[in-house]
Amino acid sequence: MLRICTHIVRESDFFLPPSLLEGAPEARREYYGRAWDKVLIKWRDRSAIKQALADDAPLEQWRVMLNELYDLNLSNTSPQYDRLRQR
């Protein structure tokens, strides 16, 4: 997870394991789909997610691009949202 976040900050894109750099688009699609929830779970604060995924924020631009390129539906709501909202 640290590797993914560090790569996003330094390179402005999402970390891919070397085996997926030349791999089939289906493999990258699956990887992005699984990794995205792990990234969102790290944010415990709803306002932090909103800030990170604001309209012109790099992470939001990247999320929209992946949704379009790989026909994904990467959420902008943490998988923990309902549980955190009840606090």
N, C-alpha and C. Protein backbone atom coordinates (compact mmCIF):
# COMPACT_ATOMS: atom_id res chain seq x y z
N MET A 1 0.82 -1.19 0.00
CA MET A 1 0.00 0.00 0.00
C MET A 1 0.87 1.26 0.00
N LEU A 2 1.92 1.26 0.80
CA LEU A 2 2.82 2.40 0.83
C LEU A 2 3.44 2.63 -0.54
N ARG A 3 3.80 1.56 -1.21
CA ARG A 3 4.40 1.65 -2.54
C ARG A 3 3.42 2.31 -3.52
N ILE A 4 2.15 1.96 -3.43
CA ILE A 4 1.13 2.53 -4.31
C ILE A 4 1.01 4.03 -4.06
N CYS A 5 0.88 4.42 -2.79
CA CYS A 5 0.70 5.83 -2.45
C CYS A 5 1.93 6.66 -2.80
N THR A 6 3.10 6.14 -2.52
CA THR A 6 4.34 6.84 -2.86
C THR A 6 4.45 7.05 -4.36
N HIS A 7 4.11 6.03 -5.12
CA HIS A 7 4.17 6.12 -6.57
C HIS A 7 3.19 7.17 -7.10
N ILE A 8 1.99 7.23 -6.54
CA ILE A 8 1.00 8.23 -6.98
C ILE A 8 1.55 9.64 -6.76
N VAL A 9 2.15 9.87 -5.60
CA VAL A 9 2.68 11.19 -5.29
C VAL A 9 3.84 11.55 -6.20
N ARG A 10 4.75 10.64 -6.42
CA ARG A 10 5.96 10.93 -7.20
C ARG A 10 5.71 10.97 -8.71
N GLU A 11 4.90 10.04 -9.19
CA GLU A 11 4.76 9.86 -10.63
C GLU A 11 3.42 10.34 -11.19
N SER A 12 2.50 10.72 -10.33
CA SER A 12 1.16 11.14 -10.74
C SER A 12 0.40 10.05 -11.50
N ASP A 13 0.74 8.83 -11.23
CA ASP A 13 -0.04 7.71 -11.75
C ASP A 13 0.01 6.58 -10.74
N PHE A 14 -0.74 5.54 -11.02
CA PHE A 14 -0.90 4.45 -10.07
C PHE A 14 0.18 3.41 -10.28
N PHE A 15 0.73 2.89 -9.20
CA PHE A 15 1.77 1.86 -9.27
C PHE A 15 1.22 0.60 -9.93
N LEU A 16 2.01 0.04 -10.83
CA LEU A 16 1.71 -1.26 -11.42
C LEU A 16 2.88 -2.18 -11.16
N PRO A 17 2.62 -3.40 -10.73
CA PRO A 17 3.72 -4.35 -10.59
C PRO A 17 4.38 -4.56 -11.96
N PRO A 18 5.67 -4.83 -11.99
CA PRO A 18 6.36 -5.02 -13.27
C PRO A 18 5.68 -6.05 -14.18
N SER A 19 5.09 -7.07 -13.60
CA SER A 19 4.45 -8.11 -14.41
C SER A 19 3.23 -7.58 -15.18
N LEU A 20 2.67 -6.46 -14.75
CA LEU A 20 1.49 -5.91 -15.42
C LEU A 20 1.82 -4.77 -16.39
N LEU A 21 3.06 -4.32 -16.40
CA LEU A 21 3.42 -3.22 -17.29
C LEU A 21 3.24 -3.60 -18.75
N GLU A 22 3.56 -4.81 -19.10
CA GLU A 22 3.43 -5.29 -20.47
C GLU A 22 2.27 -6.26 -20.61
N GLY A 23 1.53 -6.47 -19.53
CA GLY A 23 0.47 -7.48 -19.51
C GLY A 23 -0.77 -7.06 -20.28
N ALA A 24 -1.71 -7.97 -20.32
CA ALA A 24 -2.98 -7.73 -21.01
C ALA A 24 -3.80 -6.69 -20.26
N PRO A 25 -4.58 -5.90 -20.99
CA PRO A 25 -5.43 -4.89 -20.34
C PRO A 25 -6.39 -5.49 -19.31
N GLU A 26 -6.83 -6.70 -19.53
CA GLU A 26 -7.75 -7.34 -18.58
C GLU A 26 -7.10 -7.53 -17.22
N ALA A 27 -5.81 -7.87 -17.22
CA ALA A 27 -5.09 -8.06 -15.96
C ALA A 27 -4.95 -6.73 -15.23
N ARG A 28 -4.66 -5.66 -15.97
CA ARG A 28 -4.56 -4.33 -15.34
C ARG A 28 -5.92 -3.89 -14.81
N ARG A 29 -6.96 -4.15 -15.56
CA ARG A 29 -8.32 -3.80 -15.12
C ARG A 29 -8.64 -4.48 -13.79
N GLU A 30 -8.34 -5.75 -13.70
CA GLU A 30 -8.60 -6.49 -12.46
C GLU A 30 -7.77 -5.94 -11.30
N TYR A 31 -6.50 -5.65 -11.57
CA TYR A 31 -5.61 -5.11 -10.54
C TYR A 31 -6.13 -3.76 -10.02
N TYR A 32 -6.48 -2.86 -10.93
CA TYR A 32 -6.99 -1.56 -10.51
C TYR A 32 -8.28 -1.69 -9.71
N GLY A 33 -9.16 -2.57 -10.14
CA GLY A 33 -10.41 -2.78 -9.43
C GLY A 33 -10.20 -3.26 -8.00
N ARG A 34 -9.25 -4.17 -7.81
CA ARG A 34 -8.97 -4.69 -6.46
C ARG A 34 -8.22 -3.67 -5.61
N ALA A 35 -7.29 -2.96 -6.22
CA ALA A 35 -6.44 -2.03 -5.47
C ALA A 35 -7.20 -0.77 -5.03
N TRP A 36 -8.19 -0.37 -5.80
CA TRP A 36 -8.87 0.89 -5.50
C TRP A 36 -9.52 0.90 -4.12
N ASP A 37 -10.25 -0.16 -3.78
CA ASP A 37 -10.89 -0.21 -2.46
C ASP A 37 -9.85 -0.15 -1.34
N LYS A 38 -8.71 -0.76 -1.56
CA LYS A 38 -7.65 -0.72 -0.55
C LYS A 38 -7.14 0.71 -0.35
N VAL A 39 -7.08 1.46 -1.43
CA VAL A 39 -6.64 2.85 -1.33
C VAL A 39 -7.68 3.66 -0.55
N LEU A 40 -8.95 3.50 -0.88
CA LEU A 40 -10.00 4.27 -0.21
C LEU A 40 -10.14 3.92 1.26
N ILE A 41 -9.93 2.68 1.61
CA ILE A 41 -10.05 2.25 3.00
C ILE A 41 -9.06 2.99 3.90
N LYS A 42 -7.95 3.39 3.35
CA LYS A 42 -6.94 4.08 4.15
C LYS A 42 -7.43 5.43 4.65
N TRP A 43 -8.41 6.02 3.97
CA TRP A 43 -8.97 7.28 4.43
C TRP A 43 -10.09 7.00 5.41
N ARG A 44 -9.93 7.43 6.62
CA ARG A 44 -10.93 7.21 7.65
C ARG A 44 -11.91 8.39 7.74
N ASP A 45 -11.50 9.50 7.19
CA ASP A 45 -12.26 10.74 7.30
C ASP A 45 -12.91 11.06 5.96
N ARG A 46 -14.23 11.19 5.96
CA ARG A 46 -14.96 11.45 4.73
C ARG A 46 -14.51 12.75 4.06
N SER A 47 -14.19 13.77 4.85
CA SER A 47 -13.76 15.04 4.27
C SER A 47 -12.42 14.90 3.57
N ALA A 48 -11.56 14.02 4.07
CA ALA A 48 -10.27 13.79 3.41
C ALA A 48 -10.47 13.13 2.05
N ILE A 49 -11.41 12.20 1.97
CA ILE A 49 -11.70 11.56 0.68
C ILE A 49 -12.26 12.60 -0.28
N LYS A 50 -13.17 13.44 0.21
CA LYS A 50 -13.75 14.47 -0.66
C LYS A 50 -12.66 15.40 -1.20
N GLN A 51 -11.71 15.75 -0.36
CA GLN A 51 -10.63 16.63 -0.80
C GLN A 51 -9.73 15.92 -1.81
N ALA A 52 -9.39 14.68 -1.55
CA ALA A 52 -8.52 13.92 -2.46
C ALA A 52 -9.19 13.67 -3.80
N LEU A 53 -10.52 13.56 -3.78
CA LEU A 53 -11.26 13.25 -5.01
C LEU A 53 -12.09 14.44 -5.50
N ALA A 54 -11.65 15.65 -5.17
CA ALA A 54 -12.32 16.85 -5.69
C ALA A 54 -12.18 16.88 -7.21
N ASP A 55 -13.04 17.63 -7.87
CA ASP A 55 -13.12 17.61 -9.34
C ASP A 55 -11.79 17.73 -10.06
N ASP A 56 -10.93 18.65 -9.67
CA ASP A 56 -9.67 18.84 -10.40
C ASP A 56 -8.46 18.21 -9.72
N ALA A 57 -8.69 17.43 -8.68
CA ALA A 57 -7.58 16.79 -7.97
C ALA A 57 -6.97 15.69 -8.84
N PRO A 58 -5.66 15.51 -8.79
CA PRO A 58 -5.01 14.48 -9.62
C PRO A 58 -5.58 13.08 -9.41
N LEU A 59 -5.87 12.73 -8.17
CA LEU A 59 -6.39 11.38 -7.91
C LEU A 59 -7.77 11.21 -8.55
N GLU A 60 -8.59 12.24 -8.53
CA GLU A 60 -9.91 12.17 -9.17
C GLU A 60 -9.77 12.09 -10.68
N GLN A 61 -8.87 12.85 -11.26
CA GLN A 61 -8.64 12.78 -12.70
C GLN A 61 -8.18 11.37 -13.09
N TRP A 62 -7.32 10.81 -12.28
CA TRP A 62 -6.83 9.46 -12.54
C TRP A 62 -7.96 8.45 -12.43
N ARG A 63 -8.82 8.58 -11.42
CA ARG A 63 -9.95 7.66 -11.23
C ARG A 63 -10.89 7.71 -12.43
N VAL A 64 -11.21 8.91 -12.89
CA VAL A 64 -12.10 9.07 -14.05
C VAL A 64 -11.46 8.45 -15.29
N MET A 65 -10.16 8.68 -15.48
CA MET A 65 -9.46 8.13 -16.63
C MET A 65 -9.51 6.60 -16.62
N LEU A 66 -9.26 5.99 -15.46
CA LEU A 66 -9.31 4.52 -15.39
C LEU A 66 -10.72 4.00 -15.64
N ASN A 67 -11.71 4.69 -15.11
CA ASN A 67 -13.09 4.28 -15.37
C ASN A 67 -13.37 4.25 -16.87
N GLU A 68 -12.86 5.25 -17.59
CA GLU A 68 -13.09 5.33 -19.03
C GLU A 68 -12.25 4.31 -19.80
N LEU A 69 -10.97 4.21 -19.47
CA LEU A 69 -10.07 3.32 -20.21
C LEU A 69 -10.40 1.85 -20.03
N TYR A 70 -10.75 1.47 -18.81
CA TYR A 70 -10.93 0.05 -18.50
C TYR A 70 -12.38 -0.32 -18.22
N ASP A 71 -13.30 0.58 -18.51
CA ASP A 71 -14.72 0.34 -18.29
C ASP A 71 -14.97 -0.12 -16.85
N LEU A 72 -14.37 0.63 -15.92
CA LEU A 72 -14.53 0.34 -14.49
C LEU A 72 -15.56 1.27 -13.89
N ASN A 73 -15.91 1.03 -12.67
CA ASN A 73 -16.78 1.92 -11.91
C ASN A 73 -16.14 2.13 -10.54
N LEU A 74 -14.96 2.75 -10.54
CA LEU A 74 -14.24 3.00 -9.29
C LEU A 74 -14.98 4.07 -8.50
N SER A 75 -15.38 3.73 -7.31
CA SER A 75 -16.20 4.60 -6.47
C SER A 75 -15.39 5.77 -5.93
N ASN A 76 -16.08 6.83 -5.59
CA ASN A 76 -15.42 7.93 -4.88
C ASN A 76 -15.87 7.96 -3.42
N THR A 77 -16.44 6.85 -2.97
CA THR A 77 -16.87 6.69 -1.58
C THR A 77 -16.14 5.49 -0.98
N SER A 78 -15.60 5.68 0.19
CA SER A 78 -14.88 4.60 0.87
C SER A 78 -15.80 3.41 1.13
N PRO A 79 -15.29 2.19 1.01
CA PRO A 79 -16.09 1.02 1.37
C PRO A 79 -16.53 1.06 2.83
N GLN A 80 -15.88 1.86 3.64
CA GLN A 80 -16.21 1.99 5.06
C GLN A 80 -17.20 3.12 5.32
N TYR A 81 -17.67 3.78 4.29
CA TYR A 81 -18.49 4.99 4.46
C TYR A 81 -19.69 4.77 5.38
N ASP A 82 -20.47 3.74 5.13
CA ASP A 82 -21.67 3.51 5.95
C ASP A 82 -21.32 3.28 7.41
N ARG A 83 -20.28 2.51 7.65
CA ARG A 83 -19.87 2.23 9.03
C ARG A 83 -19.36 3.50 9.71
N LEU A 84 -18.58 4.29 8.99
CA LEU A 84 -18.03 5.52 9.56
C LEU A 84 -19.11 6.57 9.78
N ARG A 85 -20.12 6.58 8.94
CA ARG A 85 -21.20 7.56 9.05
C ARG A 85 -22.00 7.37 10.34
N GLN A 86 -22.05 6.15 10.82
CA GLN A 86 -22.83 5.83 12.01
C GLN A 86 -22.14 6.24 13.31
N ARG A 87 -20.91 6.67 13.24
CA ARG A 87 -20.17 7.07 14.45
C ARG A 87 -20.68 8.34 15.04
